[in-house]
Amino acid sequence: MISTDHIQPDDLYLFALQLLPEAEMRAAIQHLKQCTICRTQVAEIQGDLAMYACSTEIKTPPPESRERFLRQVEIEKKLVPIDRKEPVAVKESAPRTEAAAEPMLTPRNSRMFQMDLPEERPKRRIAPFMAWTGWAVAASAAVFAGMQYQQRIADEHSIEVESAKVSDITAQTAQAKKLMQTLTDANAMQVSLHVPLTPGATPKLDPEAHATYVPGRGSLVFVASHLDPLPPSKTYELWLLPSEPGKAPIPAGLFKPDANGNAMVVMPPLPKEVAAKGFGVTVEADGGSQTPTAPIVLAGM
C-alpha cells in the first residue's frame, strides 16, 4: 500500500473513507505523521468528501405518500399458505370504493409497483448512501483531528525544550554581564591575598589569590593559584571581613583547588552595601562553617 516515499492515491481515498484494513490503517497513520505531502493530499480528499456530503439535500417524503402506501398494502392480494405445497390467494376485506380511488400495486412477488412515483425512488436509494458517506467523512475528520492533536502536542513539547534552552542561555548571559561589570567597575576593591607572614619567618609567595569586590552590588570575583592540596573531607572557605568594628566575618563561598592548585569563586550570594576591609581563606570541614577556623591560610587587607 505504501511505496518507498508516499501512499498510493487509491489508498488515500480508502483511508479518508475509513475503508482500509486495520493493519494498513495503522501503517498509513504512522506514515502520515512523517509525510507532509500525504497529509496535504488526505486533507484535500476529506474536504472534497465534506463538500459532497453537504451539497445534497435529503428530504423526508410527504405524509400523504405514506398514508397512500399503507392503504394500498391493506387491499393488496396476499398469499396465505394452507400447506407447504399449494398457496391459496385470499383478499383482505376492504371497501371497494376506497380501492378504486387508489393506484393498484402488483402482488408482493413482483419487482415493480404500479404506482407512478418515479421522483421518489432515486431519493430512497441516495438517502442511505448519503447518510453512510456523511458518517465516513465524520470518522475521517475525527482521525485527522486526532493526528493534528498529536502533532500539536509534539510541537508544544519541542517549544518547551527550546524555551528552556533560551532561558539557560539568557541566565548565563546575565551572569557573564555581571562578571564583566564587576571586573571593570572603577569603584571595585582590588585585594591580593598571600600567606600571612610570621615574625622572623622567610616570606612565602605561594599560594596566592586576588579578589575583586563591588560593595554597592555585592559582587565578588575571587581567583586563587598554587593552593596546597586538601585532606579528605576538607574544603577551603572564603571570608569577607567587614570594615565595621565588631561585625563578624561573612562566609563568601566554598572552593577546592584543581590538580594545579587553581580555584575560583564567582558571584557568591552576598549582602549589598557591606564595606570590606579585606578577605581571608580558611580550611573547613565539607559543608563549610559559619565562623572561621584558625589558622587563616590566605589573607588580604
C-alpha atoms as a PDB file:
ATOM      1  CA  MET A   1       0.000   0.000   0.000  1.00  0.00           C
ATOM      2  CA  ILE A   2       2.796   2.436   0.907  1.00  0.00           C
ATOM      3  CA  SER A   3       5.542   2.902  -1.673  1.00  0.00           C
ATOM      4  CA  THR A   4       9.081   3.928  -0.910  1.00  0.00           C
ATOM      5  CA  ASP A   5       8.034   7.543  -0.378  1.00  0.00           C
ATOM      6  CA  HIS A   6       4.240   8.027  -0.344  1.00  0.00           C
ATOM      7  CA  ILE A   7       0.841   6.295  -0.012  1.00  0.00           C
ATOM      8  CA  GLN A   8      -0.810   5.269  -3.287  1.00  0.00           C
ATOM      9  CA  PRO A   9      -3.614   7.680  -4.423  1.00  0.00           C
ATOM     10  CA  ASP A  10      -6.306   4.950  -4.344  1.00  0.00           C
ATOM     11  CA  ASP A  11      -5.365   4.043  -0.785  1.00  0.00           C
ATOM     12  CA  LEU A  12      -5.536   7.701   0.226  1.00  0.00           C
ATOM     13  CA  TYR A  13      -9.219   7.753  -0.776  1.00  0.00           C
ATOM     14  CA  LEU A  14      -9.862   4.487   1.099  1.00  0.00           C
ATOM     15  CA  PHE A  15      -8.069   5.931   4.144  1.00  0.00           C
ATOM     16  CA  ALA A  16     -10.220   9.068   4.059  1.00  0.00           C
ATOM     17  CA  LEU A  17     -13.357   6.862   3.978  1.00  0.00           C
ATOM     18  CA  GLN A  18     -12.025   4.578   6.766  1.00  0.00           C
ATOM     19  CA  LEU A  19     -12.237   1.547   4.446  1.00  0.00           C
ATOM     20  CA  LEU A  20      -8.657   0.246   4.677  1.00  0.00           C
ATOM     21  CA  PRO A  21      -7.959  -2.911   6.693  1.00  0.00           C
ATOM     22  CA  GLU A  22      -6.925  -2.269  10.266  1.00  0.00           C
ATOM     23  CA  ALA A  23      -3.243  -3.111   9.738  1.00  0.00           C
ATOM     24  CA  GLU A  24      -3.000  -0.840   6.694  1.00  0.00           C
ATOM     25  CA  MET A  25      -4.821   1.947   8.563  1.00  0.00           C
ATOM     26  CA  ARG A  26      -2.197   1.828  11.327  1.00  0.00           C
ATOM     27  CA  ALA A  27       0.619   1.867   8.784  1.00  0.00           C
ATOM     28  CA  ALA A  28      -0.983   4.806   6.961  1.00  0.00           C
ATOM     29  CA  ILE A  29      -1.369   6.783  10.213  1.00  0.00           C
ATOM     30  CA  GLN A  30       2.303   6.244  11.058  1.00  0.00           C
ATOM     31  CA  HIS A  31       3.316   7.360   7.555  1.00  0.00           C
ATOM     32  CA  LEU A  32       1.101  10.469   7.680  1.00  0.00           C
ATOM     33  CA  LYS A  33       2.784  11.565  10.903  1.00  0.00           C
ATOM     34  CA  GLN A  34       6.061  11.858   8.975  1.00  0.00           C
ATOM     35  CA  CYS A  35       4.943  12.821   5.430  1.00  0.00           C
ATOM     36  CA  THR A  36       3.674  16.369   4.864  1.00  0.00           C
ATOM     37  CA  ILE A  37       2.786  15.690   1.207  1.00  0.00           C
ATOM     38  CA  CYS A  38       0.469  12.760   2.015  1.00  0.00           C
ATOM     39  CA  ARG A  39      -1.146  14.705   4.886  1.00  0.00           C
ATOM     40  CA  THR A  40      -1.930  17.530   2.481  1.00  0.00           C
ATOM     41  CA  GLN A  41      -3.479  15.114  -0.041  1.00  0.00           C
ATOM     42  CA  VAL A  42      -5.629  13.462   2.666  1.00  0.00           C
ATOM     43  CA  ALA A  43      -6.821  16.890   3.824  1.00  0.00           C
ATOM     44  CA  GLU A  44      -7.845  17.788   0.250  1.00  0.00           C
ATOM     45  CA  ILE A  45      -9.729  14.481  -0.174  1.00  0.00           C
ATOM     46  CA  GLN A  46     -11.547  14.940   3.136  1.00  0.00           C
ATOM     47  CA  GLY A  47     -12.506  18.469   2.152  1.00  0.00           C
ATOM     48  CA  ASP A  48     -13.946  17.188  -1.149  1.00  0.00           C
ATOM     49  CA  LEU A  49     -15.951  14.495   0.671  1.00  0.00           C
ATOM     50  CA  ALA A  50     -17.289  17.026   3.159  1.00  0.00           C
ATOM     51  CA  MET A  51     -18.400  19.356   0.351  1.00  0.00           C
ATOM     52  CA  TYR A  52     -20.073  16.416  -1.430  1.00  0.00           C
ATOM     53  CA  ALA A  53     -21.898  15.365   1.751  1.00  0.00           C
ATOM     54  CA  CYS A  54     -23.183  18.896   2.275  1.00  0.00           C
ATOM     55  CA  SER A  55     -24.172  19.535  -1.355  1.00  0.00           C
ATOM     56  CA  THR A  56     -27.175  17.154  -1.455  1.00  0.00           C
ATOM     57  CA  GLU A  57     -30.321  17.970   0.498  1.00  0.00           C
ATOM     58  CA  ILE A  58     -32.089  14.903   1.925  1.00  0.00           C
ATOM     59  CA  LYS A  59     -35.873  15.416   2.095  1.00  0.00           C
ATOM     60  CA  THR A  60     -38.428  13.358   4.002  1.00  0.00           C
ATOM     61  CA  PRO A  61     -41.338  12.071   1.810  1.00  0.00           C
ATOM     62  CA  PRO A  62     -44.674  13.870   2.493  1.00  0.00           C
ATOM     63  CA  PRO A  63     -47.068  12.218   4.976  1.00  0.00           C
ATOM     64  CA  GLU A  64     -49.671  11.721   2.222  1.00  0.00           C
ATOM     65  CA  SER A  65     -47.374   9.292   0.390  1.00  0.00           C
ATOM     66  CA  ARG A  66     -47.004   7.133   3.484  1.00  0.00           C
ATOM     67  CA  GLU A  67     -50.783   7.017   4.048  1.00  0.00           C
ATOM     68  CA  ARG A  68     -51.440   6.069   0.409  1.00  0.00           C
ATOM     69  CA  PHE A  69     -48.861   3.328   0.639  1.00  0.00           C
ATOM     70  CA  LEU A  70     -50.373   1.854   3.826  1.00  0.00           C
ATOM     71  CA  ARG A  71     -53.899   1.916   2.391  1.00  0.00           C
ATOM     72  CA  GLN A  72     -52.679   0.154  -0.735  1.00  0.00           C
ATOM     73  CA  VAL A  73     -50.979  -2.541   1.338  1.00  0.00           C
ATOM     74  CA  GLU A  74     -54.257  -3.220   3.158  1.00  0.00           C
ATOM     75  CA  ILE A  75     -56.064  -4.073  -0.075  1.00  0.00           C
ATOM     76  CA  GLU A  76     -53.166  -5.897  -1.723  1.00  0.00           C
ATOM     77  CA  LYS A  77     -53.566  -9.571  -2.583  1.00  0.00           C
ATOM     78  CA  LYS A  78     -51.619 -11.767  -0.223  1.00  0.00           C
ATOM     79  CA  LEU A  79     -50.724 -15.448  -0.496  1.00  0.00           C
ATOM     80  CA  VAL A  80     -51.690 -17.361   2.641  1.00  0.00           C
ATOM     81  CA  PRO A  81     -50.239 -20.900   2.585  1.00  0.00           C
ATOM     82  CA  ILE A  82     -52.629 -23.691   3.568  1.00  0.00           C
ATOM     83  CA  ASP A  83     -49.928 -26.291   3.359  1.00  0.00           C
ATOM     84  CA  ARG A  84     -46.390 -26.406   2.031  1.00  0.00           C
ATOM     85  CA  LYS A  85     -47.462 -27.448  -1.453  1.00  0.00           C
ATOM     86  CA  GLU A  86     -50.320 -25.208  -2.593  1.00  0.00           C
ATOM     87  CA  PRO A  87     -50.821 -21.485  -1.690  1.00  0.00           C
ATOM     88  CA  VAL A  88     -54.309 -20.013  -1.956  1.00  0.00           C
ATOM     89  CA  ALA A  89     -54.957 -16.355  -2.825  1.00  0.00           C
ATOM     90  CA  VAL A  90     -57.031 -14.517  -0.222  1.00  0.00           C
ATOM     91  CA  LYS A  91     -58.283 -10.960  -0.398  1.00  0.00           C
ATOM     92  CA  GLU A  92     -58.316  -8.690   2.577  1.00  0.00           C
ATOM     93  CA  SER A  93     -61.760  -7.238   3.222  1.00  0.00           C
ATOM     94  CA  ALA A  94     -61.728  -3.558   2.381  1.00  0.00           C
ATOM     95  CA  PRO A  95     -64.186  -1.120   0.852  1.00  0.00           C
ATOM     96  CA  ARG A  96     -64.035  -1.325  -2.947  1.00  0.00           C
ATOM     97  CA  THR A  97     -64.830   2.345  -3.237  1.00  0.00           C
ATOM     98  CA  GLU A  98     -61.569   3.284  -1.440  1.00  0.00           C
ATOM     99  CA  ALA A  99     -59.563   0.759  -3.507  1.00  0.00           C
ATOM    100  CA  ALA A 100     -60.803   2.227  -6.725  1.00  0.00           C
ATOM    101  CA  ALA A 101     -59.581   5.639  -5.709  1.00  0.00           C
ATOM    102  CA  GLU A 102     -56.052   4.429  -5.038  1.00  0.00           C
ATOM    103  CA  PRO A 103     -53.412   3.196  -7.522  1.00  0.00           C
ATOM    104  CA  MET A 104     -53.098  -0.586  -7.644  1.00  0.00           C
ATOM    105  CA  LEU A 105     -49.996  -2.496  -6.656  1.00  0.00           C
ATOM    106  CA  THR A 106     -48.859  -5.798  -8.097  1.00  0.00           C
ATOM    107  CA  PRO A 107     -48.519  -8.771  -5.745  1.00  0.00           C
ATOM    108  CA  ARG A 108     -45.569  -8.936  -3.381  1.00  0.00           C
ATOM    109  CA  ASN A 109     -43.672 -11.379  -5.652  1.00  0.00           C
ATOM    110  CA  SER A 110     -43.491  -8.697  -8.347  1.00  0.00           C
ATOM    111  CA  ARG A 111     -40.424  -6.481  -8.682  1.00  0.00           C
ATOM    112  CA  MET A 112     -42.308  -3.378  -9.807  1.00  0.00           C
ATOM    113  CA  PHE A 113     -45.038  -1.284  -8.200  1.00  0.00           C
ATOM    114  CA  GLN A 114     -47.725   0.157 -10.464  1.00  0.00           C
ATOM    115  CA  MET A 115     -47.746   3.474  -8.573  1.00  0.00           C
ATOM    116  CA  ASP A 116     -46.456   6.384 -10.582  1.00  0.00           C
ATOM    117  CA  LEU A 117     -43.842   7.781  -8.171  1.00  0.00           C
ATOM    118  CA  PRO A 118     -40.617   7.889 -10.210  1.00  0.00           C
ATOM    119  CA  GLU A 119     -39.336  11.005  -8.473  1.00  0.00           C
ATOM    120  CA  GLU A 120     -39.192   9.302  -5.034  1.00  0.00           C
ATOM    121  CA  ARG A 121     -37.259   6.156  -5.998  1.00  0.00           C
ATOM    122  CA  PRO A 122     -33.845   7.804  -6.553  1.00  0.00           C
ATOM    123  CA  LYS A 123     -34.187   9.661  -3.250  1.00  0.00           C
ATOM    124  CA  ARG A 124     -34.774   6.441  -1.326  1.00  0.00           C
ATOM    125  CA  ARG A 125     -31.624   4.954  -2.819  1.00  0.00           C
ATOM    126  CA  ILE A 126     -29.486   8.046  -2.351  1.00  0.00           C
ATOM    127  CA  ALA A 127     -30.520   8.790   1.230  1.00  0.00           C
ATOM    128  CA  PRO A 128     -28.846   5.731   2.835  1.00  0.00           C
ATOM    129  CA  PHE A 129     -25.741   6.231   0.715  1.00  0.00           C
ATOM    130  CA  MET A 130     -25.505   9.892   1.676  1.00  0.00           C
ATOM    131  CA  ALA A 131     -26.007   9.018   5.352  1.00  0.00           C
ATOM    132  CA  TRP A 132     -23.207   6.453   5.119  1.00  0.00           C
ATOM    133  CA  THR A 133     -20.975   8.946   3.298  1.00  0.00           C
ATOM    134  CA  GLY A 134     -21.569  11.579   5.977  1.00  0.00           C
ATOM    135  CA  TRP A 135     -20.587   9.059   8.657  1.00  0.00           C
ATOM    136  CA  ALA A 136     -17.427   8.139   6.780  1.00  0.00           C
ATOM    137  CA  VAL A 137     -16.473  11.792   6.359  1.00  0.00           C
ATOM    138  CA  ALA A 138     -17.098  12.431  10.059  1.00  0.00           C
ATOM    139  CA  ALA A 139     -14.952   9.431  11.029  1.00  0.00           C
ATOM    140  CA  SER A 140     -12.172  10.552   8.682  1.00  0.00           C
ATOM    141  CA  ALA A 141     -12.312  14.063  10.108  1.00  0.00           C
ATOM    142  CA  ALA A 142     -12.047  12.618  13.635  1.00  0.00           C
ATOM    143  CA  VAL A 143      -8.951  10.593  12.697  1.00  0.00           C
ATOM    144  CA  PHE A 144      -7.357  13.591  11.036  1.00  0.00           C
ATOM    145  CA  ALA A 145      -8.180  15.775  14.046  1.00  0.00           C
ATOM    146  CA  GLY A 146      -6.525  13.183  16.313  1.00  0.00           C
ATOM    147  CA  MET A 147      -3.390  13.254  14.178  1.00  0.00           C
ATOM    148  CA  GLN A 148      -3.335  17.041  14.283  1.00  0.00           C
ATOM    149  CA  TYR A 149      -3.731  16.959  18.082  1.00  0.00           C
ATOM    150  CA  GLN A 150      -0.783  14.576  18.489  1.00  0.00           C
ATOM    151  CA  GLN A 151       1.313  16.781  16.198  1.00  0.00           C
ATOM    152  CA  ARG A 152       0.374  19.853  18.238  1.00  0.00           C
ATOM    153  CA  ILE A 153       1.396  18.125  21.498  1.00  0.00           C
ATOM    154  CA  ALA A 154       4.776  17.205  19.964  1.00  0.00           C
ATOM    155  CA  ASP A 155       5.261  20.783  18.738  1.00  0.00           C
ATOM    156  CA  GLU A 156       4.405  22.205  22.168  1.00  0.00           C
ATOM    157  CA  HIS A 157       6.942  19.867  23.788  1.00  0.00           C
ATOM    158  CA  SER A 158       9.612  20.991  21.325  1.00  0.00           C
ATOM    159  CA  ILE A 159       8.789  24.619  22.064  1.00  0.00           C
ATOM    160  CA  GLU A 160       9.111  23.985  25.814  1.00  0.00           C
ATOM    161  CA  VAL A 161      12.528  22.374  25.342  1.00  0.00           C
ATOM    162  CA  GLU A 162      13.742  25.242  23.164  1.00  0.00           C
ATOM    163  CA  SER A 163      12.338  27.799  25.628  1.00  0.00           C
ATOM    164  CA  ALA A 164      14.262  26.131  28.470  1.00  0.00           C
ATOM    165  CA  LYS A 165      17.448  26.335  26.420  1.00  0.00           C
ATOM    166  CA  VAL A 166      16.852  30.006  25.693  1.00  0.00           C
ATOM    167  CA  SER A 167      16.246  30.651  29.413  1.00  0.00           C
ATOM    168  CA  ASP A 168      19.532  28.941  30.308  1.00  0.00           C
ATOM    169  CA  ILE A 169      21.423  30.972  27.715  1.00  0.00           C
ATOM    170  CA  THR A 170      19.767  34.163  28.967  1.00  0.00           C
ATOM    171  CA  ALA A 171      20.761  33.377  32.564  1.00  0.00           C
ATOM    172  CA  GLN A 172      24.344  32.619  31.528  1.00  0.00           C
ATOM    173  CA  THR A 173      24.494  35.857  29.542  1.00  0.00           C
ATOM    174  CA  ALA A 174      23.230  37.848  32.534  1.00  0.00           C
ATOM    175  CA  GLN A 175      25.815  36.167  34.774  1.00  0.00           C
ATOM    176  CA  ALA A 176      28.603  36.968  32.306  1.00  0.00           C
ATOM    177  CA  LYS A 177      27.412  40.572  32.118  1.00  0.00           C
ATOM    178  CA  LYS A 178      27.543  40.894  35.897  1.00  0.00           C
ATOM    179  CA  LEU A 179      31.013  39.369  35.896  1.00  0.00           C
ATOM    180  CA  MET A 180      32.295  41.922  33.369  1.00  0.00           C
ATOM    181  CA  GLN A 181      30.681  44.764  35.291  1.00  0.00           C
ATOM    182  CA  THR A 182      32.427  43.611  38.471  1.00  0.00           C
ATOM    183  CA  LEU A 183      35.835  43.277  36.857  1.00  0.00           C
ATOM    184  CA  THR A 184      35.625  46.640  35.057  1.00  0.00           C
ATOM    185  CA  ASP A 185      33.903  48.705  37.765  1.00  0.00           C
ATOM    186  CA  ALA A 186      36.003  51.771  38.630  1.00  0.00           C
ATOM    187  CA  ASN A 187      34.861  51.530  42.268  1.00  0.00           C
ATOM    188  CA  ALA A 188      35.820  47.865  42.630  1.00  0.00           C
ATOM    189  CA  MET A 189      38.028  46.965  45.588  1.00  0.00           C
ATOM    190  CA  GLN A 190      41.132  45.035  44.476  1.00  0.00           C
ATOM    191  CA  VAL A 191      42.727  42.792  47.117  1.00  0.00           C
ATOM    192  CA  SER A 192      45.679  40.393  46.770  1.00  0.00           C
ATOM    193  CA  LEU A 193      45.843  37.555  49.275  1.00  0.00           C
ATOM    194  CA  HIS A 194      49.054  35.847  50.414  1.00  0.00           C
ATOM    195  CA  VAL A 195      50.176  33.521  53.140  1.00  0.00           C
ATOM    196  CA  PRO A 196      50.282  35.547  56.397  1.00  0.00           C
ATOM    197  CA  LEU A 197      53.840  36.346  57.416  1.00  0.00           C
ATOM    198  CA  THR A 198      55.060  35.051  60.761  1.00  0.00           C
ATOM    199  CA  PRO A 199      57.511  37.409  62.509  1.00  0.00           C
ATOM    200  CA  GLY A 200      61.051  36.257  61.707  1.00  0.00           C
ATOM    201  CA  ALA A 201      59.915  33.785  59.014  1.00  0.00           C
ATOM    202  CA  THR A 202      61.022  33.887  55.397  1.00  0.00           C
ATOM    203  CA  PRO A 203      58.329  35.446  53.160  1.00  0.00           C
ATOM    204  CA  LYS A 204      56.441  32.853  51.166  1.00  0.00           C
ATOM    205  CA  LEU A 205      54.918  33.898  47.842  1.00  0.00           C
ATOM    206  CA  ASP A 206      52.821  30.802  47.183  1.00  0.00           C
ATOM    207  CA  PRO A 207      49.911  30.191  47.357  1.00  0.00           C
ATOM    208  CA  GLU A 208      48.262  33.478  46.403  1.00  0.00           C
ATOM    209  CA  ALA A 209      44.885  34.885  45.344  1.00  0.00           C
ATOM    210  CA  HIS A 210      43.179  38.017  44.087  1.00  0.00           C
ATOM    211  CA  ALA A 211      39.694  39.343  44.918  1.00  0.00           C
ATOM    212  CA  THR A 212      37.611  41.968  43.079  1.00  0.00           C
ATOM    213  CA  TYR A 213      34.693  43.259  45.142  1.00  0.00           C
ATOM    214  CA  VAL A 214      31.960  45.864  44.413  1.00  0.00           C
ATOM    215  CA  PRO A 215      30.172  46.695  47.702  1.00  0.00           C
ATOM    216  CA  GLY A 216      27.262  48.545  46.078  1.00  0.00           C
ATOM    217  CA  ARG A 217      26.186  45.434  44.127  1.00  0.00           C
ATOM    218  CA  GLY A 218      27.514  42.782  46.484  1.00  0.00           C
ATOM    219  CA  SER A 219      29.543  41.358  43.562  1.00  0.00           C
ATOM    220  CA  LEU A 220      32.725  39.352  44.207  1.00  0.00           C
ATOM    221  CA  VAL A 221      35.173  37.549  41.918  1.00  0.00           C
ATOM    222  CA  PHE A 222      37.933  35.536  43.651  1.00  0.00           C
ATOM    223  CA  VAL A 223      40.802  33.772  41.844  1.00  0.00           C
ATOM    224  CA  ALA A 224      43.456  31.661  43.623  1.00  0.00           C
ATOM    225  CA  SER A 225      46.508  29.772  42.423  1.00  0.00           C
ATOM    226  CA  HIS A 226      49.207  27.401  43.759  1.00  0.00           C
ATOM    227  CA  LEU A 227      46.905  26.231  46.570  1.00  0.00           C
ATOM    228  CA  ASP A 228      48.018  23.305  48.686  1.00  0.00           C
ATOM    229  CA  PRO A 229      46.065  20.039  48.260  1.00  0.00           C
ATOM    230  CA  LEU A 230      43.371  19.399  50.851  1.00  0.00           C
ATOM    231  CA  PRO A 231      42.928  16.362  53.105  1.00  0.00           C
ATOM    232  CA  PRO A 232      39.809  14.237  52.527  1.00  0.00           C
ATOM    233  CA  SER A 233      36.539  15.777  53.723  1.00  0.00           C
ATOM    234  CA  LYS A 234      38.077  19.268  53.831  1.00  0.00           C
ATOM    235  CA  THR A 235      37.369  22.415  51.782  1.00  0.00           C
ATOM    236  CA  TYR A 236      38.597  25.984  51.525  1.00  0.00           C
ATOM    237  CA  GLU A 237      36.213  28.748  52.637  1.00  0.00           C
ATOM    238  CA  LEU A 238      36.445  32.421  51.652  1.00  0.00           C
ATOM    239  CA  TRP A 239      35.525  35.101  54.193  1.00  0.00           C
ATOM    240  CA  LEU A 240      34.590  38.767  53.739  1.00  0.00           C
ATOM    241  CA  LEU A 241      35.982  40.830  56.611  1.00  0.00           C
ATOM    242  CA  PRO A 242      33.629  43.812  57.263  1.00  0.00           C
ATOM    243  CA  SER A 243      35.242  47.163  57.962  1.00  0.00           C
ATOM    244  CA  GLU A 244      32.579  47.899  60.603  1.00  0.00           C
ATOM    245  CA  PRO A 245      34.103  47.235  64.067  1.00  0.00           C
ATOM    246  CA  GLY A 246      32.711  44.249  65.930  1.00  0.00           C
ATOM    247  CA  LYS A 247      30.948  42.739  62.907  1.00  0.00           C
ATOM    248  CA  ALA A 248      31.693  39.007  62.354  1.00  0.00           C
ATOM    249  CA  PRO A 249      33.280  37.726  59.121  1.00  0.00           C
ATOM    250  CA  ILE A 250      30.749  36.844  56.401  1.00  0.00           C
ATOM    251  CA  PRO A 251      31.022  33.467  54.557  1.00  0.00           C
ATOM    252  CA  ALA A 252      31.721  34.224  50.881  1.00  0.00           C
ATOM    253  CA  GLY A 253      31.905  30.770  49.274  1.00  0.00           C
ATOM    254  CA  LEU A 254      33.454  27.283  49.380  1.00  0.00           C
ATOM    255  CA  PHE A 255      36.005  26.001  46.870  1.00  0.00           C
ATOM    256  CA  LYS A 256      38.506  23.206  46.208  1.00  0.00           C
ATOM    257  CA  PRO A 257      41.598  23.551  44.017  1.00  0.00           C
ATOM    258  CA  ASP A 258      42.131  21.540  40.872  1.00  0.00           C
ATOM    259  CA  ALA A 259      45.196  19.379  40.191  1.00  0.00           C
ATOM    260  CA  ASN A 260      47.268  22.522  39.511  1.00  0.00           C
ATOM    261  CA  GLY A 261      46.192  24.260  42.701  1.00  0.00           C
ATOM    262  CA  ASN A 262      43.875  26.761  40.967  1.00  0.00           C
ATOM    263  CA  ALA A 263      40.358  27.710  42.140  1.00  0.00           C
ATOM    264  CA  MET A 264      37.697  30.390  41.644  1.00  0.00           C
ATOM    265  CA  VAL A 265      34.667  31.822  43.474  1.00  0.00           C
ATOM    266  CA  VAL A 266      32.428  33.861  41.149  1.00  0.00           C
ATOM    267  CA  MET A 267      29.434  35.918  42.277  1.00  0.00           C
ATOM    268  CA  PRO A 268      28.654  34.265  45.627  1.00  0.00           C
ATOM    269  CA  PRO A 269      25.439  35.417  47.337  1.00  0.00           C
ATOM    270  CA  LEU A 270      26.489  38.395  49.463  1.00  0.00           C
ATOM    271  CA  PRO A 271      24.540  41.270  51.017  1.00  0.00           C
ATOM    272  CA  LYS A 272      24.844  44.618  49.269  1.00  0.00           C
ATOM    273  CA  GLU A 273      26.385  47.772  50.662  1.00  0.00           C
ATOM    274  CA  VAL A 274      28.763  45.938  53.017  1.00  0.00           C
ATOM    275  CA  ALA A 275      32.101  47.714  53.195  1.00  0.00           C
ATOM    276  CA  ALA A 276      35.067  45.301  53.451  1.00  0.00           C
ATOM    277  CA  LYS A 277      38.483  45.847  54.947  1.00  0.00           C
ATOM    278  CA  GLY A 278      39.800  42.621  53.444  1.00  0.00           C
ATOM    279  CA  PHE A 279      39.327  38.900  52.789  1.00  0.00           C
ATOM    280  CA  GLY A 280      40.588  35.663  54.301  1.00  0.00           C
ATOM    281  CA  VAL A 281      40.672  31.959  53.493  1.00  0.00           C
ATOM    282  CA  THR A 282      40.468  29.084  55.996  1.00  0.00           C
ATOM    283  CA  VAL A 283      40.302  25.294  55.776  1.00  0.00           C
ATOM    284  CA  GLU A 284      36.961  23.911  56.964  1.00  0.00           C
ATOM    285  CA  ALA A 285      35.117  20.616  57.003  1.00  0.00           C
ATOM    286  CA  ASP A 286      32.988  19.801  53.945  1.00  0.00           C
ATOM    287  CA  GLY A 287      29.855  21.949  54.011  1.00  0.00           C
ATOM    288  CA  GLY A 288      31.698  24.964  55.450  1.00  0.00           C
ATOM    289  CA  SER A 289      31.314  26.823  58.715  1.00  0.00           C
ATOM    290  CA  GLN A 290      29.566  29.951  59.989  1.00  0.00           C
ATOM    291  CA  THR A 291      32.716  31.141  61.824  1.00  0.00           C
ATOM    292  CA  PRO A 292      36.331  30.929  60.621  1.00  0.00           C
ATOM    293  CA  THR A 293      38.504  28.083  61.940  1.00  0.00           C
ATOM    294  CA  ALA A 294      42.121  29.013  62.639  1.00  0.00           C
ATOM    295  CA  PRO A 295      44.590  29.198  61.068  1.00  0.00           C
ATOM    296  CA  ILE A 296      43.959  31.660  58.222  1.00  0.00           C
ATOM    297  CA  VAL A 297      45.834  30.258  55.214  1.00  0.00           C
ATOM    298  CA  LEU A 298      45.378  33.318  52.981  1.00  0.00           C
ATOM    299  CA  ALA A 299      44.669  36.912  53.995  1.00  0.00           C
ATOM    300  CA  GLY A 300      44.483  40.289  52.273  1.00  0.00           C
ATOM    301  CA  MET A 301      43.677  43.773  53.542  1.00  0.00           C
END
